[in-house]
Amino acid sequence: MSKIIKQVWNWGSSILIGLVVLLAVALVGVRLIGLDVYVVLSGSMEPTYHVGSLIYVKDVDYKELKAGDPITYMLNENTVVTHRITEVLVDENDPDTIRYFTKGDANDIPDGTSVHYKNIIGKPVLTIPYLGYISNYIQNPPGTYMALAAGAILVMLVFLPDLFEDDKKKEEDN
């Protein structure tokens, strides 16, 4: 009977570790291939990007952007926005200076100010629904503490059977 329990334990812990690794790759690992990750906090881009989704944004040459493209940009020092370009305006005196007029897909009116090309972070390339809720939760207390505790428990669950096995071997040897 204990052999079956050990197999179930090993399978369960392997699945949990796999899920944790996938979550880590989805939240952090993608940065290694040049993607930035953001959580959708408002419904301004519904139904394209749902509230609570993670969006993955890649760097883009601002000169290649055109009307209809979604972009992620810095609105101010603390706010990142993803909206769709409605119009591209090239400065007459300096063709390298471009401003973009944007609007959220769910919004009735365009945004009040244009986006300077230097504020563009990139273009969304992928979205994963609901994963943003998890990301947001573990980035702020008490979610951070819960994630750390869950990680510690997971490590203990992986090594716990080995500890008991060593104790049994010692008893059998005596």
N, C-alpha and C. Protein backbone atom coordinates (compact mmCIF):
# COMPACT_ATOMS: atom_id res chain seq x y z
N MET A 1 0.82 -1.20 0.00
CA MET A 1 0.00 0.00 0.00
C MET A 1 0.85 1.26 0.00
N SER A 2 1.96 1.24 0.75
CA SER A 2 2.79 2.43 0.82
C SER A 2 3.46 2.74 -0.52
N LYS A 3 3.65 1.70 -1.34
CA LYS A 3 4.24 1.92 -2.67
C LYS A 3 3.29 2.72 -3.55
N ILE A 4 2.00 2.43 -3.47
CA ILE A 4 0.99 3.17 -4.24
C ILE A 4 0.91 4.61 -3.76
N ILE A 5 0.93 4.80 -2.46
CA ILE A 5 0.88 6.16 -1.89
C ILE A 5 2.10 6.95 -2.36
N LYS A 6 3.27 6.29 -2.36
CA LYS A 6 4.49 6.98 -2.80
C LYS A 6 4.40 7.37 -4.27
N GLN A 7 3.84 6.49 -5.11
CA GLN A 7 3.69 6.81 -6.53
C GLN A 7 2.72 7.97 -6.73
N VAL A 8 1.60 7.96 -6.02
CA VAL A 8 0.63 9.06 -6.11
C VAL A 8 1.28 10.35 -5.63
N TRP A 9 2.02 10.26 -4.54
CA TRP A 9 2.73 11.42 -3.99
C TRP A 9 3.70 11.98 -5.03
N ASN A 10 4.48 11.10 -5.66
CA ASN A 10 5.46 11.54 -6.67
C ASN A 10 4.77 12.18 -7.87
N TRP A 11 3.69 11.57 -8.34
CA TRP A 11 2.96 12.14 -9.46
C TRP A 11 2.37 13.50 -9.10
N GLY A 12 1.74 13.57 -7.94
CA GLY A 12 1.12 14.83 -7.50
C GLY A 12 2.15 15.94 -7.35
N SER A 13 3.27 15.63 -6.71
CA SER A 13 4.29 16.66 -6.53
C SER A 13 4.92 17.05 -7.86
N SER A 14 5.06 16.10 -8.79
CA SER A 14 5.60 16.42 -10.12
C SER A 14 4.67 17.35 -10.88
N ILE A 15 3.38 17.09 -10.78
CA ILE A 15 2.40 17.95 -11.45
C ILE A 15 2.43 19.35 -10.84
N LEU A 16 2.47 19.45 -9.51
CA LEU A 16 2.55 20.76 -8.85
C LEU A 16 3.80 21.52 -9.26
N ILE A 17 4.93 20.84 -9.29
CA ILE A 17 6.18 21.49 -9.69
C ILE A 17 6.07 21.97 -11.14
N GLY A 18 5.50 21.14 -12.00
CA GLY A 18 5.32 21.53 -13.40
C GLY A 18 4.47 22.78 -13.54
N LEU A 19 3.39 22.84 -12.76
CA LEU A 19 2.51 24.02 -12.80
C LEU A 19 3.23 25.27 -12.30
N VAL A 20 4.02 25.12 -11.25
CA VAL A 20 4.78 26.26 -10.72
C VAL A 20 5.80 26.74 -11.76
N VAL A 21 6.46 25.80 -12.41
CA VAL A 21 7.45 26.18 -13.43
C VAL A 21 6.76 26.89 -14.59
N LEU A 22 5.61 26.37 -15.04
CA LEU A 22 4.87 27.03 -16.12
C LEU A 22 4.44 28.44 -15.73
N LEU A 23 3.97 28.59 -14.50
CA LEU A 23 3.57 29.91 -14.02
C LEU A 23 4.77 30.86 -13.98
N ALA A 24 5.91 30.37 -13.52
CA ALA A 24 7.12 31.20 -13.46
C ALA A 24 7.55 31.62 -14.86
N VAL A 25 7.48 30.71 -15.82
CA VAL A 25 7.84 31.05 -17.19
C VAL A 25 6.86 32.08 -17.75
N ALA A 26 5.57 31.88 -17.50
CA ALA A 26 4.55 32.81 -18.02
C ALA A 26 4.69 34.21 -17.43
N LEU A 27 5.12 34.30 -16.17
CA LEU A 27 5.19 35.61 -15.52
C LEU A 27 6.56 36.27 -15.64
N VAL A 28 7.62 35.47 -15.63
CA VAL A 28 8.96 36.05 -15.57
C VAL A 28 9.84 35.59 -16.73
N GLY A 29 9.78 34.32 -17.06
CA GLY A 29 10.68 33.74 -18.05
C GLY A 29 10.59 34.35 -19.44
N VAL A 30 9.41 34.85 -19.80
CA VAL A 30 9.24 35.43 -21.13
C VAL A 30 10.07 36.70 -21.32
N ARG A 31 10.50 37.28 -20.23
CA ARG A 31 11.35 38.47 -20.32
C ARG A 31 12.70 38.14 -20.97
N LEU A 32 13.10 36.89 -20.84
CA LEU A 32 14.37 36.45 -21.44
C LEU A 32 14.33 36.48 -22.97
N ILE A 33 13.14 36.39 -23.54
CA ILE A 33 13.02 36.44 -25.00
C ILE A 33 12.52 37.81 -25.47
N GLY A 34 12.58 38.80 -24.58
CA GLY A 34 12.29 40.17 -24.98
C GLY A 34 10.85 40.62 -24.86
N LEU A 35 10.03 39.89 -24.14
CA LEU A 35 8.64 40.30 -23.96
C LEU A 35 8.47 40.93 -22.58
N ASP A 36 7.67 41.98 -22.53
CA ASP A 36 7.28 42.59 -21.26
C ASP A 36 5.87 42.09 -20.93
N VAL A 37 5.59 41.94 -19.66
CA VAL A 37 4.30 41.40 -19.23
C VAL A 37 3.55 42.47 -18.44
N TYR A 38 2.26 42.64 -18.79
CA TYR A 38 1.42 43.61 -18.09
C TYR A 38 0.06 42.99 -17.79
N VAL A 39 -0.56 43.46 -16.73
CA VAL A 39 -1.89 43.00 -16.34
C VAL A 39 -2.91 44.02 -16.84
N VAL A 40 -3.97 43.54 -17.45
CA VAL A 40 -5.06 44.41 -17.90
C VAL A 40 -5.94 44.73 -16.70
N LEU A 41 -6.00 46.00 -16.34
CA LEU A 41 -6.73 46.42 -15.14
C LEU A 41 -8.07 47.10 -15.43
N SER A 42 -8.29 47.50 -16.69
CA SER A 42 -9.56 48.16 -17.01
C SER A 42 -10.17 47.51 -18.25
N GLY A 43 -11.43 47.82 -18.47
CA GLY A 43 -12.16 47.23 -19.60
C GLY A 43 -12.13 48.08 -20.85
N SER A 44 -11.22 49.02 -20.95
CA SER A 44 -11.22 49.92 -22.10
C SER A 44 -10.90 49.23 -23.42
N MET A 45 -10.28 48.05 -23.37
CA MET A 45 -9.95 47.34 -24.61
C MET A 45 -10.77 46.05 -24.78
N GLU A 46 -11.87 45.93 -24.02
CA GLU A 46 -12.76 44.78 -24.20
C GLU A 46 -13.35 44.83 -25.61
N PRO A 47 -13.57 43.75 -26.28
CA PRO A 47 -13.31 42.37 -25.91
C PRO A 47 -11.91 41.88 -26.35
N THR A 48 -11.08 42.74 -26.90
CA THR A 48 -9.76 42.31 -27.35
C THR A 48 -8.90 41.84 -26.19
N TYR A 49 -8.82 42.65 -25.13
CA TYR A 49 -8.05 42.30 -23.94
C TYR A 49 -8.97 42.42 -22.74
N HIS A 50 -9.28 41.28 -22.15
CA HIS A 50 -10.22 41.24 -21.02
C HIS A 50 -9.55 41.66 -19.72
N VAL A 51 -10.32 42.26 -18.82
CA VAL A 51 -9.84 42.61 -17.50
C VAL A 51 -9.33 41.34 -16.83
N GLY A 52 -8.15 41.44 -16.21
CA GLY A 52 -7.57 40.29 -15.53
C GLY A 52 -6.67 39.44 -16.41
N SER A 53 -6.53 39.83 -17.66
CA SER A 53 -5.65 39.08 -18.57
C SER A 53 -4.22 39.57 -18.42
N LEU A 54 -3.30 38.71 -18.81
CA LEU A 54 -1.90 39.13 -18.98
C LEU A 54 -1.72 39.43 -20.45
N ILE A 55 -1.04 40.53 -20.75
CA ILE A 55 -0.68 40.77 -22.14
C ILE A 55 0.84 40.78 -22.24
N TYR A 56 1.32 40.21 -23.30
CA TYR A 56 2.75 40.13 -23.57
C TYR A 56 3.05 41.12 -24.69
N VAL A 57 4.00 42.02 -24.41
CA VAL A 57 4.29 43.12 -25.32
C VAL A 57 5.72 43.01 -25.81
N LYS A 58 5.88 43.10 -27.14
CA LYS A 58 7.24 43.07 -27.69
C LYS A 58 7.60 44.45 -28.23
N ASP A 59 8.89 44.72 -28.20
CA ASP A 59 9.42 45.99 -28.70
C ASP A 59 9.09 46.09 -30.19
N VAL A 60 8.84 47.31 -30.64
CA VAL A 60 8.48 47.51 -32.04
C VAL A 60 9.11 48.81 -32.53
N ASP A 61 9.43 48.85 -33.81
CA ASP A 61 9.93 50.09 -34.41
C ASP A 61 8.74 51.04 -34.56
N TYR A 62 8.79 52.16 -33.87
CA TYR A 62 7.65 53.07 -33.84
C TYR A 62 7.28 53.58 -35.23
N LYS A 63 8.22 53.59 -36.16
CA LYS A 63 7.94 54.08 -37.52
C LYS A 63 7.08 53.10 -38.32
N GLU A 64 7.00 51.86 -37.87
CA GLU A 64 6.22 50.85 -38.58
C GLU A 64 4.77 50.78 -38.10
N LEU A 65 4.45 51.50 -37.02
CA LEU A 65 3.10 51.47 -36.48
C LEU A 65 2.14 52.23 -37.38
N LYS A 66 0.91 51.72 -37.45
CA LYS A 66 -0.10 52.36 -38.30
C LYS A 66 -1.46 52.35 -37.61
N ALA A 67 -2.38 53.09 -38.14
CA ALA A 67 -3.74 53.14 -37.58
C ALA A 67 -4.30 51.72 -37.56
N GLY A 68 -4.93 51.38 -36.44
CA GLY A 68 -5.50 50.05 -36.26
C GLY A 68 -4.65 49.15 -35.38
N ASP A 69 -3.37 49.49 -35.22
CA ASP A 69 -2.48 48.68 -34.38
C ASP A 69 -2.72 48.97 -32.90
N PRO A 70 -2.77 47.93 -32.07
CA PRO A 70 -2.79 48.18 -30.63
C PRO A 70 -1.36 48.48 -30.16
N ILE A 71 -1.22 49.40 -29.23
CA ILE A 71 0.10 49.72 -28.69
C ILE A 71 0.01 49.81 -27.17
N THR A 72 1.13 49.54 -26.53
CA THR A 72 1.25 49.71 -25.09
C THR A 72 2.22 50.85 -24.87
N TYR A 73 1.84 51.81 -24.05
CA TYR A 73 2.66 53.01 -23.87
C TYR A 73 2.55 53.54 -22.45
N MET A 74 3.50 54.40 -22.11
CA MET A 74 3.50 55.07 -20.80
C MET A 74 2.62 56.31 -20.90
N LEU A 75 1.57 56.34 -20.11
CA LEU A 75 0.72 57.52 -20.05
C LEU A 75 1.37 58.56 -19.16
N ASN A 76 1.92 58.10 -18.03
CA ASN A 76 2.71 58.95 -17.14
C ASN A 76 3.68 58.03 -16.41
N GLU A 77 4.37 58.53 -15.41
CA GLU A 77 5.39 57.74 -14.72
C GLU A 77 4.86 56.46 -14.09
N ASN A 78 3.59 56.44 -13.71
CA ASN A 78 3.03 55.30 -12.98
C ASN A 78 1.99 54.51 -13.76
N THR A 79 1.66 54.92 -14.97
CA THR A 79 0.55 54.30 -15.68
C THR A 79 0.95 53.82 -17.06
N VAL A 80 0.69 52.54 -17.31
CA VAL A 80 0.90 51.94 -18.62
C VAL A 80 -0.47 51.66 -19.21
N VAL A 81 -0.65 51.99 -20.49
CA VAL A 81 -1.94 51.84 -21.16
C VAL A 81 -1.75 51.05 -22.45
N THR A 82 -2.75 50.25 -22.78
CA THR A 82 -2.80 49.61 -24.09
C THR A 82 -4.08 50.07 -24.77
N HIS A 83 -3.93 50.78 -25.87
CA HIS A 83 -5.07 51.25 -26.68
C HIS A 83 -4.71 51.08 -28.15
N ARG A 84 -5.68 51.29 -28.99
CA ARG A 84 -5.51 51.13 -30.43
C ARG A 84 -5.24 52.48 -31.10
N ILE A 85 -4.32 52.49 -32.05
CA ILE A 85 -4.00 53.72 -32.79
C ILE A 85 -5.17 54.04 -33.73
N THR A 86 -5.62 55.29 -33.69
CA THR A 86 -6.67 55.74 -34.60
C THR A 86 -6.11 56.63 -35.70
N GLU A 87 -4.98 57.30 -35.38
CA GLU A 87 -4.38 58.20 -36.36
C GLU A 87 -2.89 58.37 -36.05
N VAL A 88 -2.09 58.48 -37.10
CA VAL A 88 -0.65 58.70 -36.96
C VAL A 88 -0.36 60.10 -37.51
N LEU A 89 0.33 60.91 -36.71
CA LEU A 89 0.63 62.27 -37.11
C LEU A 89 2.15 62.47 -37.12
N VAL A 90 2.71 62.71 -38.31
CA VAL A 90 4.14 62.93 -38.45
C VAL A 90 4.40 64.44 -38.40
N ASP A 91 5.38 64.84 -37.60
CA ASP A 91 5.75 66.25 -37.47
C ASP A 91 6.29 66.75 -38.81
N GLU A 92 5.78 67.89 -39.28
CA GLU A 92 6.20 68.45 -40.57
C GLU A 92 7.67 68.87 -40.57
N ASN A 93 8.16 69.38 -39.44
CA ASN A 93 9.53 69.85 -39.35
C ASN A 93 10.53 68.74 -39.09
N ASP A 94 10.10 67.67 -38.43
CA ASP A 94 10.99 66.56 -38.09
C ASP A 94 10.25 65.24 -38.34
N PRO A 95 10.50 64.61 -39.49
CA PRO A 95 9.78 63.39 -39.84
C PRO A 95 10.02 62.21 -38.87
N ASP A 96 11.06 62.31 -38.05
CA ASP A 96 11.31 61.25 -37.06
C ASP A 96 10.43 61.40 -35.82
N THR A 97 9.81 62.55 -35.66
CA THR A 97 8.93 62.78 -34.52
C THR A 97 7.51 62.45 -34.94
N ILE A 98 6.99 61.43 -34.30
CA ILE A 98 5.64 60.95 -34.63
C ILE A 98 4.79 60.92 -33.36
N ARG A 99 3.54 61.31 -33.52
CA ARG A 99 2.57 61.24 -32.43
C ARG A 99 1.43 60.33 -32.90
N TYR A 100 0.86 59.64 -31.93
CA TYR A 100 -0.20 58.69 -32.22
C TYR A 100 -1.44 59.07 -31.43
N PHE A 101 -2.56 59.07 -32.10
CA PHE A 101 -3.84 59.28 -31.43
C PHE A 101 -4.45 57.90 -31.21
N THR A 102 -4.97 57.69 -30.01
CA THR A 102 -5.43 56.36 -29.62
C THR A 102 -6.84 56.40 -29.06
N LYS A 103 -7.40 55.18 -28.96
CA LYS A 103 -8.73 55.03 -28.37
C LYS A 103 -8.86 53.59 -27.90
N GLY A 104 -9.47 53.40 -26.76
CA GLY A 104 -9.79 52.05 -26.30
C GLY A 104 -10.91 51.47 -27.12
N ASP A 105 -10.85 50.19 -27.43
CA ASP A 105 -11.89 49.55 -28.25
C ASP A 105 -13.28 49.70 -27.65
N ALA A 106 -13.38 49.68 -26.32
CA ALA A 106 -14.68 49.78 -25.66
C ALA A 106 -15.09 51.22 -25.38
N ASN A 107 -14.21 52.17 -25.66
CA ASN A 107 -14.50 53.58 -25.38
C ASN A 107 -15.24 54.22 -26.56
N ASP A 108 -16.14 55.14 -26.25
CA ASP A 108 -16.90 55.83 -27.30
C ASP A 108 -16.12 56.99 -27.92
N ILE A 109 -15.24 57.60 -27.13
CA ILE A 109 -14.50 58.76 -27.65
C ILE A 109 -12.99 58.48 -27.61
N PRO A 110 -12.24 59.10 -28.50
CA PRO A 110 -10.78 58.92 -28.51
C PRO A 110 -10.15 59.51 -27.25
N ASP A 111 -8.93 59.06 -26.97
CA ASP A 111 -8.18 59.59 -25.83
C ASP A 111 -7.93 61.08 -26.03
N GLY A 112 -7.85 61.82 -24.92
CA GLY A 112 -7.74 63.27 -24.96
C GLY A 112 -6.39 63.79 -25.42
N THR A 113 -5.33 63.03 -25.27
CA THR A 113 -4.00 63.48 -25.67
C THR A 113 -3.36 62.46 -26.59
N SER A 114 -2.41 62.94 -27.37
CA SER A 114 -1.69 62.04 -28.27
C SER A 114 -0.54 61.38 -27.52
N VAL A 115 -0.01 60.32 -28.12
CA VAL A 115 1.10 59.57 -27.53
C VAL A 115 2.36 59.89 -28.32
N HIS A 116 3.37 60.40 -27.65
CA HIS A 116 4.65 60.69 -28.28
C HIS A 116 5.37 59.37 -28.52
N TYR A 117 6.09 59.28 -29.62
CA TYR A 117 6.74 58.01 -29.98
C TYR A 117 7.70 57.51 -28.91
N LYS A 118 8.28 58.41 -28.12
CA LYS A 118 9.22 58.00 -27.07
C LYS A 118 8.51 57.29 -25.91
N ASN A 119 7.20 57.43 -25.82
CA ASN A 119 6.45 56.80 -24.73
C ASN A 119 5.97 55.39 -25.07
N ILE A 120 6.19 54.96 -26.31
CA ILE A 120 5.72 53.65 -26.72
C ILE A 120 6.63 52.56 -26.17
N ILE A 121 6.01 51.59 -25.52
CA ILE A 121 6.74 50.44 -24.98
C ILE A 121 6.81 49.35 -26.04
N GLY A 122 5.70 49.12 -26.73
CA GLY A 122 5.69 48.08 -27.75
C GLY A 122 4.28 47.74 -28.19
N LYS A 123 4.19 46.58 -28.80
CA LYS A 123 2.93 46.12 -29.37
C LYS A 123 2.56 44.78 -28.74
N PRO A 124 1.32 44.64 -28.26
CA PRO A 124 0.90 43.36 -27.68
C PRO A 124 0.90 42.25 -28.72
N VAL A 125 1.44 41.08 -28.33
CA VAL A 125 1.50 39.96 -29.26
C VAL A 125 0.75 38.73 -28.75
N LEU A 126 0.44 38.71 -27.46
CA LEU A 126 -0.23 37.55 -26.88
C LEU A 126 -0.97 37.98 -25.62
N THR A 127 -2.08 37.32 -25.37
CA THR A 127 -2.82 37.56 -24.14
C THR A 127 -3.27 36.23 -23.54
N ILE A 128 -3.22 36.15 -22.23
CA ILE A 128 -3.70 34.96 -21.52
C ILE A 128 -4.76 35.43 -20.51
N PRO A 129 -6.01 35.03 -20.75
CA PRO A 129 -7.09 35.46 -19.84
C PRO A 129 -6.88 34.94 -18.42
N TYR A 130 -7.30 35.74 -17.45
CA TYR A 130 -7.34 35.41 -16.01
C TYR A 130 -5.98 35.31 -15.33
N LEU A 131 -4.91 35.09 -16.04
CA LEU A 131 -3.60 34.92 -15.41
C LEU A 131 -3.14 36.22 -14.75
N GLY A 132 -3.65 37.34 -15.20
CA GLY A 132 -3.31 38.62 -14.60
C GLY A 132 -3.78 38.73 -13.16
N TYR A 133 -4.91 38.09 -12.84
CA TYR A 133 -5.39 38.11 -11.46
C TYR A 133 -4.37 37.45 -10.54
N ILE A 134 -3.82 36.32 -10.97
CA ILE A 134 -2.82 35.62 -10.17
C ILE A 134 -1.56 36.46 -10.05
N SER A 135 -1.12 37.01 -11.16
CA SER A 135 0.08 37.84 -11.18
C SER A 135 -0.07 39.03 -10.24
N ASN A 136 -1.19 39.71 -10.33
CA ASN A 136 -1.44 40.88 -9.49
C ASN A 136 -1.49 40.48 -8.01
N TYR A 137 -2.08 39.34 -7.72
CA TYR A 137 -2.21 38.88 -6.34
C TYR A 137 -0.84 38.59 -5.73
N ILE A 138 0.02 37.89 -6.47
CA ILE A 138 1.30 37.50 -5.87
C ILE A 138 2.32 38.64 -5.87
N GLN A 139 2.03 39.73 -6.54
CA GLN A 139 2.94 40.87 -6.53
C GLN A 139 2.70 41.81 -5.35
N ASN A 140 1.61 41.60 -4.63
CA ASN A 140 1.25 42.48 -3.52
C ASN A 140 0.92 41.65 -2.28
N PRO A 141 1.34 42.16 -1.09
CA PRO A 141 0.96 41.45 0.14
C PRO A 141 -0.56 41.43 0.26
N PRO A 142 -1.16 40.42 0.77
CA PRO A 142 -0.61 39.20 1.36
C PRO A 142 -0.27 38.12 0.33
N GLY A 143 -0.57 38.36 -0.94
CA GLY A 143 -0.31 37.36 -1.96
C GLY A 143 1.15 36.96 -2.06
N THR A 144 2.04 37.92 -1.85
CA THR A 144 3.48 37.62 -1.88
C THR A 144 3.83 36.62 -0.79
N TYR A 145 3.29 36.85 0.40
CA TYR A 145 3.57 35.94 1.52
C TYR A 145 2.97 34.56 1.26
N MET A 146 1.79 34.53 0.67
CA MET A 146 1.15 33.25 0.34
C MET A 146 1.97 32.48 -0.69
N ALA A 147 2.49 33.19 -1.70
CA ALA A 147 3.30 32.54 -2.73
C ALA A 147 4.58 31.99 -2.14
N LEU A 148 5.22 32.75 -1.26
CA LEU A 148 6.45 32.27 -0.62
C LEU A 148 6.16 31.06 0.27
N ALA A 149 5.07 31.11 1.01
CA ALA A 149 4.70 29.98 1.86
C ALA A 149 4.37 28.75 1.01
N ALA A 150 3.66 28.96 -0.08
CA ALA A 150 3.32 27.83 -0.97
C ALA A 150 4.58 27.22 -1.56
N GLY A 151 5.55 28.07 -1.92
CA GLY A 151 6.82 27.56 -2.43
C GLY A 151 7.57 26.74 -1.40
N ALA A 152 7.59 27.22 -0.18
CA ALA A 152 8.26 26.49 0.91
C ALA A 152 7.56 25.16 1.17
N ILE A 153 6.24 25.16 1.17
CA ILE A 153 5.48 23.93 1.38
C ILE A 153 5.74 22.95 0.23
N LEU A 154 5.79 23.47 -0.99
CA LEU A 154 6.06 22.62 -2.15
C LEU A 154 7.43 21.95 -2.04
N VAL A 155 8.43 22.71 -1.63
CA VAL A 155 9.77 22.14 -1.44
C VAL A 155 9.73 21.06 -0.37
N MET A 156 9.02 21.33 0.72
CA MET A 156 8.90 20.33 1.78
C MET A 156 8.19 19.08 1.29
N LEU A 157 7.13 19.24 0.51
CA LEU A 157 6.39 18.09 0.00
C LEU A 157 7.25 17.22 -0.91
N VAL A 158 8.14 17.86 -1.65
CA VAL A 158 9.01 17.11 -2.56
C VAL A 158 10.03 16.28 -1.78
N PHE A 159 10.59 16.85 -0.72
CA PHE A 159 11.66 16.17 0.00
C PHE A 159 11.18 15.36 1.21
N LEU A 160 9.94 15.52 1.62
CA LEU A 160 9.42 14.83 2.79
C LEU A 160 9.48 13.30 2.67
N PRO A 161 9.05 12.72 1.56
CA PRO A 161 9.12 11.25 1.45
C PRO A 161 10.56 10.72 1.57
N ASP A 162 11.52 11.44 1.05
CA ASP A 162 12.91 11.01 1.14
C ASP A 162 13.38 11.00 2.59
N LEU A 163 12.94 11.95 3.38
CA LEU A 163 13.33 11.99 4.79
C LEU A 163 12.80 10.79 5.55
N PHE A 164 11.52 10.44 5.29
CA PHE A 164 10.93 9.28 5.96
C PHE A 164 11.58 7.99 5.50
N GLU A 165 11.93 7.93 4.23
CA GLU A 165 12.57 6.73 3.69
C GLU A 165 13.93 6.50 4.35
N ASP A 166 14.69 7.58 4.55
CA ASP A 166 15.99 7.46 5.22
C ASP A 166 15.82 6.94 6.64
N ASP A 167 14.77 7.42 7.35
CA ASP A 167 14.52 6.95 8.71
C ASP A 167 14.17 5.46 8.72
N LYS A 168 13.38 5.01 7.75
CA LYS A 168 13.01 3.60 7.68
C LYS A 168 14.23 2.73 7.39
N LYS A 169 15.13 3.19 6.52
CA LYS A 169 16.34 2.43 6.20
C LYS A 169 17.23 2.29 7.43
N LYS A 170 17.32 3.36 8.22
CA LYS A 170 18.13 3.31 9.44
C LYS A 170 17.56 2.30 10.42
N GLU A 171 16.21 2.28 10.54
CA GLU A 171 15.57 1.34 11.46
C GLU A 171 15.77 -0.11 11.00
N GLU A 172 15.71 -0.32 9.66
CA GLU A 172 15.88 -1.67 9.13
C GLU A 172 17.32 -2.15 9.32
N ASP A 173 18.28 -1.24 9.22
CA ASP A 173 19.68 -1.60 9.37
C ASP A 173 20.00 -2.00 10.81
N ASN A 174 19.27 -1.44 11.75
CA ASN A 174 19.52 -1.76 13.17
C ASN A 174 18.88 -3.04 13.50
